[in-house]
Amino acid sequence: MRAIGWVFVPNSLRLAVLRVFGAQIGRGVLMRPRVRVTSPARLAIGEDSWIGEAVTLDSAGSIRIGANVVVSQAALLRCPADARGELVVDDGAWIALCARVTGPVTIGRRAVVGAAAVVARDVAPGTVVVSSAITDDSDPDIAGPDL
């Protein structure tokens, strides 16, 4: 019986509701189910961006997402209410699976914040940020043979 609570809500309806509450959302945006937006009036999303399932957009402060941006599943973008500035994700950037971005920061054009990475300062355009937690090669079985 719990499955009854999972009602399909079309993308167009999700976006329309956010627009009613003040969000600025461009054409061609796809927002997957279970996205949480705390303050739609402080959210702007550019054209043709993709927001993955279970993403949290904690926009107590201002969050601006550019065009052609991908925010992958379970990512968190948080801009505190007392922040001086806004959290900006420039055009073409990619925030990967389970990444955490806390603002106010700017993620540069075509930058990549890798899976499970944590970002709390600006990322230059074209830069790739990875999590050190997933790059541990101290296990000899993982590292491979010595040459």
C-alpha atoms as a PDB file:
ATOM      1  CA  MET A   1       0.000   0.000   0.000  1.00  0.00           C
ATOM      2  CA  ARG A   2       2.953   2.329   0.454  1.00  0.00           C
ATOM      3  CA  ALA A   3       3.360   2.518  -3.339  1.00  0.00           C
ATOM      4  CA  ILE A   4       0.182   4.600  -3.526  1.00  0.00           C
ATOM      5  CA  GLY A   5       2.153   7.557  -2.103  1.00  0.00           C
ATOM      6  CA  TRP A   6       4.427   7.565  -5.155  1.00  0.00           C
ATOM      7  CA  VAL A   7       2.346   9.502  -7.639  1.00  0.00           C
ATOM      8  CA  PHE A   8       3.809  10.370 -11.005  1.00  0.00           C
ATOM      9  CA  VAL A   9       4.083  14.137 -11.399  1.00  0.00           C
ATOM     10  CA  PRO A  10       5.041  15.317 -14.890  1.00  0.00           C
ATOM     11  CA  ASN A  11       8.127  17.498 -15.281  1.00  0.00           C
ATOM     12  CA  SER A  12       6.025  20.338 -16.703  1.00  0.00           C
ATOM     13  CA  LEU A  13       3.870  20.416 -13.562  1.00  0.00           C
ATOM     14  CA  ARG A  14       6.905  20.392 -11.228  1.00  0.00           C
ATOM     15  CA  LEU A  15       8.398  23.349 -13.115  1.00  0.00           C
ATOM     16  CA  ALA A  16       5.066  25.208 -13.239  1.00  0.00           C
ATOM     17  CA  VAL A  17       4.667  24.940  -9.466  1.00  0.00           C
ATOM     18  CA  LEU A  18       8.207  26.242  -8.907  1.00  0.00           C
ATOM     19  CA  ARG A  19       7.517  29.156 -11.270  1.00  0.00           C
ATOM     20  CA  VAL A  20       4.333  30.009  -9.358  1.00  0.00           C
ATOM     21  CA  PHE A  21       6.447  30.271  -6.200  1.00  0.00           C
ATOM     22  CA  GLY A  22       8.951  32.593  -7.891  1.00  0.00           C
ATOM     23  CA  ALA A  23      11.609  30.379  -9.458  1.00  0.00           C
ATOM     24  CA  GLN A  24      13.084  31.545 -12.777  1.00  0.00           C
ATOM     25  CA  ILE A  25      13.354  28.460 -14.976  1.00  0.00           C
ATOM     26  CA  GLY A  26      14.420  28.449 -18.628  1.00  0.00           C
ATOM     27  CA  ARG A  27      13.043  26.365 -21.465  1.00  0.00           C
ATOM     28  CA  GLY A  28      14.066  22.748 -21.836  1.00  0.00           C
ATOM     29  CA  VAL A  29      14.862  22.168 -18.137  1.00  0.00           C
ATOM     30  CA  LEU A  30      14.352  18.598 -16.960  1.00  0.00           C
ATOM     31  CA  MET A  31      13.858  18.149 -13.233  1.00  0.00           C
ATOM     32  CA  ARG A  32      13.677  14.532 -12.104  1.00  0.00           C
ATOM     33  CA  PRO A  33      11.423  13.369  -9.219  1.00  0.00           C
ATOM     34  CA  ARG A  34      12.219  13.930  -5.524  1.00  0.00           C
ATOM     35  CA  VAL A  35      14.108  17.213  -6.060  1.00  0.00           C
ATOM     36  CA  ARG A  36      13.877  19.406  -2.959  1.00  0.00           C
ATOM     37  CA  VAL A  37      13.868  23.194  -3.300  1.00  0.00           C
ATOM     38  CA  THR A  38      13.728  25.136  -0.037  1.00  0.00           C
ATOM     39  CA  SER A  39      13.092  28.626  -1.432  1.00  0.00           C
ATOM     40  CA  PRO A  40      11.962  28.749  -5.081  1.00  0.00           C
ATOM     41  CA  ALA A  41      11.978  32.563  -5.124  1.00  0.00           C
ATOM     42  CA  ARG A  42      15.786  32.483  -4.787  1.00  0.00           C
ATOM     43  CA  LEU A  43      16.357  29.904  -7.533  1.00  0.00           C
ATOM     44  CA  ALA A  44      17.211  30.527 -11.206  1.00  0.00           C
ATOM     45  CA  ILE A  45      17.905  27.733 -13.711  1.00  0.00           C
ATOM     46  CA  GLY A  46      19.041  28.376 -17.302  1.00  0.00           C
ATOM     47  CA  GLU A  47      17.828  26.682 -20.475  1.00  0.00           C
ATOM     48  CA  ASP A  48      18.365  22.984 -21.196  1.00  0.00           C
ATOM     49  CA  SER A  49      19.716  22.125 -17.732  1.00  0.00           C
ATOM     50  CA  TRP A  50      19.124  18.774 -16.064  1.00  0.00           C
ATOM     51  CA  ILE A  51      18.481  18.326 -12.337  1.00  0.00           C
ATOM     52  CA  GLY A  52      18.777  14.685 -11.239  1.00  0.00           C
ATOM     53  CA  GLU A  53      16.679  12.653  -8.859  1.00  0.00           C
ATOM     54  CA  ALA A  54      16.917  13.375  -5.121  1.00  0.00           C
ATOM     55  CA  VAL A  55      18.905  16.604  -5.615  1.00  0.00           C
ATOM     56  CA  THR A  56      18.602  19.182  -2.840  1.00  0.00           C
ATOM     57  CA  LEU A  57      18.672  22.864  -3.789  1.00  0.00           C
ATOM     58  CA  ASP A  58      18.857  24.555  -0.393  1.00  0.00           C
ATOM     59  CA  SER A  59      18.353  28.121  -1.557  1.00  0.00           C
ATOM     60  CA  ALA A  60      17.996  30.030   1.691  1.00  0.00           C
ATOM     61  CA  GLY A  61      20.513  32.274  -0.070  1.00  0.00           C
ATOM     62  CA  SER A  62      20.458  32.683  -3.851  1.00  0.00           C
ATOM     63  CA  ILE A  63      21.286  29.809  -6.255  1.00  0.00           C
ATOM     64  CA  ARG A  64      21.807  30.519  -9.963  1.00  0.00           C
ATOM     65  CA  ILE A  65      22.311  27.576 -12.314  1.00  0.00           C
ATOM     66  CA  GLY A  66      23.347  28.375 -15.885  1.00  0.00           C
ATOM     67  CA  ALA A  67      22.342  26.819 -19.204  1.00  0.00           C
ATOM     68  CA  ASN A  68      23.277  23.252 -20.181  1.00  0.00           C
ATOM     69  CA  VAL A  69      24.216  22.329 -16.609  1.00  0.00           C
ATOM     70  CA  VAL A  70      23.921  18.823 -15.180  1.00  0.00           C
ATOM     71  CA  VAL A  71      23.320  18.358 -11.459  1.00  0.00           C
ATOM     72  CA  SER A  72      23.428  14.598 -10.926  1.00  0.00           C
ATOM     73  CA  GLN A  73      21.516  12.405  -8.516  1.00  0.00           C
ATOM     74  CA  ALA A  74      21.629  13.104  -4.764  1.00  0.00           C
ATOM     75  CA  ALA A  75      23.812  16.200  -5.157  1.00  0.00           C
ATOM     76  CA  LEU A  76      23.427  19.066  -2.696  1.00  0.00           C
ATOM     77  CA  LEU A  77      23.710  22.763  -3.540  1.00  0.00           C
ATOM     78  CA  ARG A  78      23.413  24.899  -0.403  1.00  0.00           C
ATOM     79  CA  CYS A  79      23.651  28.660  -0.057  1.00  0.00           C
ATOM     80  CA  PRO A  80      23.012  29.824   3.523  1.00  0.00           C
ATOM     81  CA  ALA A  81      20.654  32.718   4.205  1.00  0.00           C
ATOM     82  CA  ASP A  82      23.426  34.802   5.782  1.00  0.00           C
ATOM     83  CA  ALA A  83      25.755  34.359   2.778  1.00  0.00           C
ATOM     84  CA  ARG A  84      27.125  37.481   1.121  1.00  0.00           C
ATOM     85  CA  GLY A  85      26.712  36.548  -2.498  1.00  0.00           C
ATOM     86  CA  GLU A  86      25.171  33.649  -4.335  1.00  0.00           C
ATOM     87  CA  LEU A  87      25.979  30.113  -5.359  1.00  0.00           C
ATOM     88  CA  VAL A  88      26.567  30.183  -9.128  1.00  0.00           C
ATOM     89  CA  VAL A  89      26.980  27.190 -11.433  1.00  0.00           C
ATOM     90  CA  ASP A  90      28.086  28.575 -14.805  1.00  0.00           C
ATOM     91  CA  ASP A  91      27.021  27.271 -18.227  1.00  0.00           C
ATOM     92  CA  GLY A  92      28.024  23.748 -19.160  1.00  0.00           C
ATOM     93  CA  ALA A  93      29.199  22.698 -15.681  1.00  0.00           C
ATOM     94  CA  TRP A  94      28.545  19.270 -14.227  1.00  0.00           C
ATOM     95  CA  ILE A  95      27.919  18.530 -10.546  1.00  0.00           C
ATOM     96  CA  ALA A  96      28.273  14.751 -10.260  1.00  0.00           C
ATOM     97  CA  LEU A  97      26.599  12.114  -8.092  1.00  0.00           C
ATOM     98  CA  CYS A  98      26.448  12.884  -4.337  1.00  0.00           C
ATOM     99  CA  ALA A  99      28.610  16.019  -4.680  1.00  0.00           C
ATOM    100  CA  ARG A 100      28.194  18.787  -2.085  1.00  0.00           C
ATOM    101  CA  VAL A 101      28.568  22.455  -3.028  1.00  0.00           C
ATOM    102  CA  THR A 102      28.218  25.050  -0.281  1.00  0.00           C
ATOM    103  CA  GLY A 103      28.133  28.707  -1.251  1.00  0.00           C
ATOM    104  CA  PRO A 104      28.550  31.440  -1.870  1.00  0.00           C
ATOM    105  CA  VAL A 105      30.857  30.067  -4.562  1.00  0.00           C
ATOM    106  CA  THR A 106      31.139  30.054  -8.339  1.00  0.00           C
ATOM    107  CA  ILE A 107      31.559  26.812 -10.267  1.00  0.00           C
ATOM    108  CA  GLY A 108      33.181  27.965 -13.512  1.00  0.00           C
ATOM    109  CA  ARG A 109      32.052  27.373 -17.056  1.00  0.00           C
ATOM    110  CA  ARG A 110      32.428  23.685 -18.110  1.00  0.00           C
ATOM    111  CA  ALA A 111      33.924  22.734 -14.719  1.00  0.00           C
ATOM    112  CA  VAL A 112      33.255  19.302 -13.225  1.00  0.00           C
ATOM    113  CA  VAL A 113      32.689  18.598  -9.541  1.00  0.00           C
ATOM    114  CA  GLY A 114      33.258  14.843  -9.306  1.00  0.00           C
ATOM    115  CA  ALA A 115      31.261  12.208  -7.478  1.00  0.00           C
ATOM    116  CA  ALA A 116      31.171  12.688  -3.693  1.00  0.00           C
ATOM    117  CA  ALA A 117      33.413  15.781  -3.885  1.00  0.00           C
ATOM    118  CA  VAL A 118      32.866  18.610  -1.412  1.00  0.00           C
ATOM    119  CA  VAL A 119      33.319  22.190  -2.648  1.00  0.00           C
ATOM    120  CA  ALA A 120      33.269  25.300  -0.453  1.00  0.00           C
ATOM    121  CA  ARG A 121      35.288  27.736  -2.606  1.00  0.00           C
ATOM    122  CA  ASP A 122      35.350  28.884  -6.219  1.00  0.00           C
ATOM    123  CA  VAL A 123      36.176  26.396  -8.986  1.00  0.00           C
ATOM    124  CA  ALA A 124      37.915  27.825 -12.057  1.00  0.00           C
ATOM    125  CA  PRO A 125      36.403  27.293 -15.518  1.00  0.00           C
ATOM    126  CA  GLY A 126      37.292  23.926 -17.058  1.00  0.00           C
ATOM    127  CA  THR A 127      38.615  22.526 -13.760  1.00  0.00           C
ATOM    128  CA  VAL A 128      37.858  19.004 -12.529  1.00  0.00           C
ATOM    129  CA  VAL A 129      37.450  18.573  -8.763  1.00  0.00           C
ATOM    130  CA  VAL A 130      37.598  15.030  -7.381  1.00  0.00           C
ATOM    131  CA  SER A 131      37.066  13.582  -3.937  1.00  0.00           C
ATOM    132  CA  SER A 132      40.175  12.295  -2.208  1.00  0.00           C
ATOM    133  CA  ALA A 133      37.985   9.818  -0.342  1.00  0.00           C
ATOM    134  CA  ILE A 134      37.484   7.760  -3.491  1.00  0.00           C
ATOM    135  CA  THR A 135      41.076   7.812  -4.757  1.00  0.00           C
ATOM    136  CA  ASP A 136      42.716   5.731  -1.993  1.00  0.00           C
ATOM    137  CA  ASP A 137      45.212   3.385  -3.627  1.00  0.00           C
ATOM    138  CA  SER A 138      46.920   2.122  -0.456  1.00  0.00           C
ATOM    139  CA  ASP A 139      45.509  -1.391  -0.907  1.00  0.00           C
ATOM    140  CA  PRO A 140      48.083  -3.437  -2.878  1.00  0.00           C
ATOM    141  CA  ASP A 141      45.333  -5.420  -4.594  1.00  0.00           C
ATOM    142  CA  ILE A 142      43.863  -2.219  -5.983  1.00  0.00           C
ATOM    143  CA  ALA A 143      47.144  -0.488  -6.846  1.00  0.00           C
ATOM    144  CA  GLY A 144      48.315  -3.302  -9.124  1.00  0.00           C
ATOM    145  CA  PRO A 145      51.770  -4.843  -9.546  1.00  0.00           C
ATOM    146  CA  ASP A 146      54.978  -2.881  -9.033  1.00  0.00           C
ATOM    147  CA  LEU A 147      56.877  -2.269 -12.238  1.00  0.00           C
END
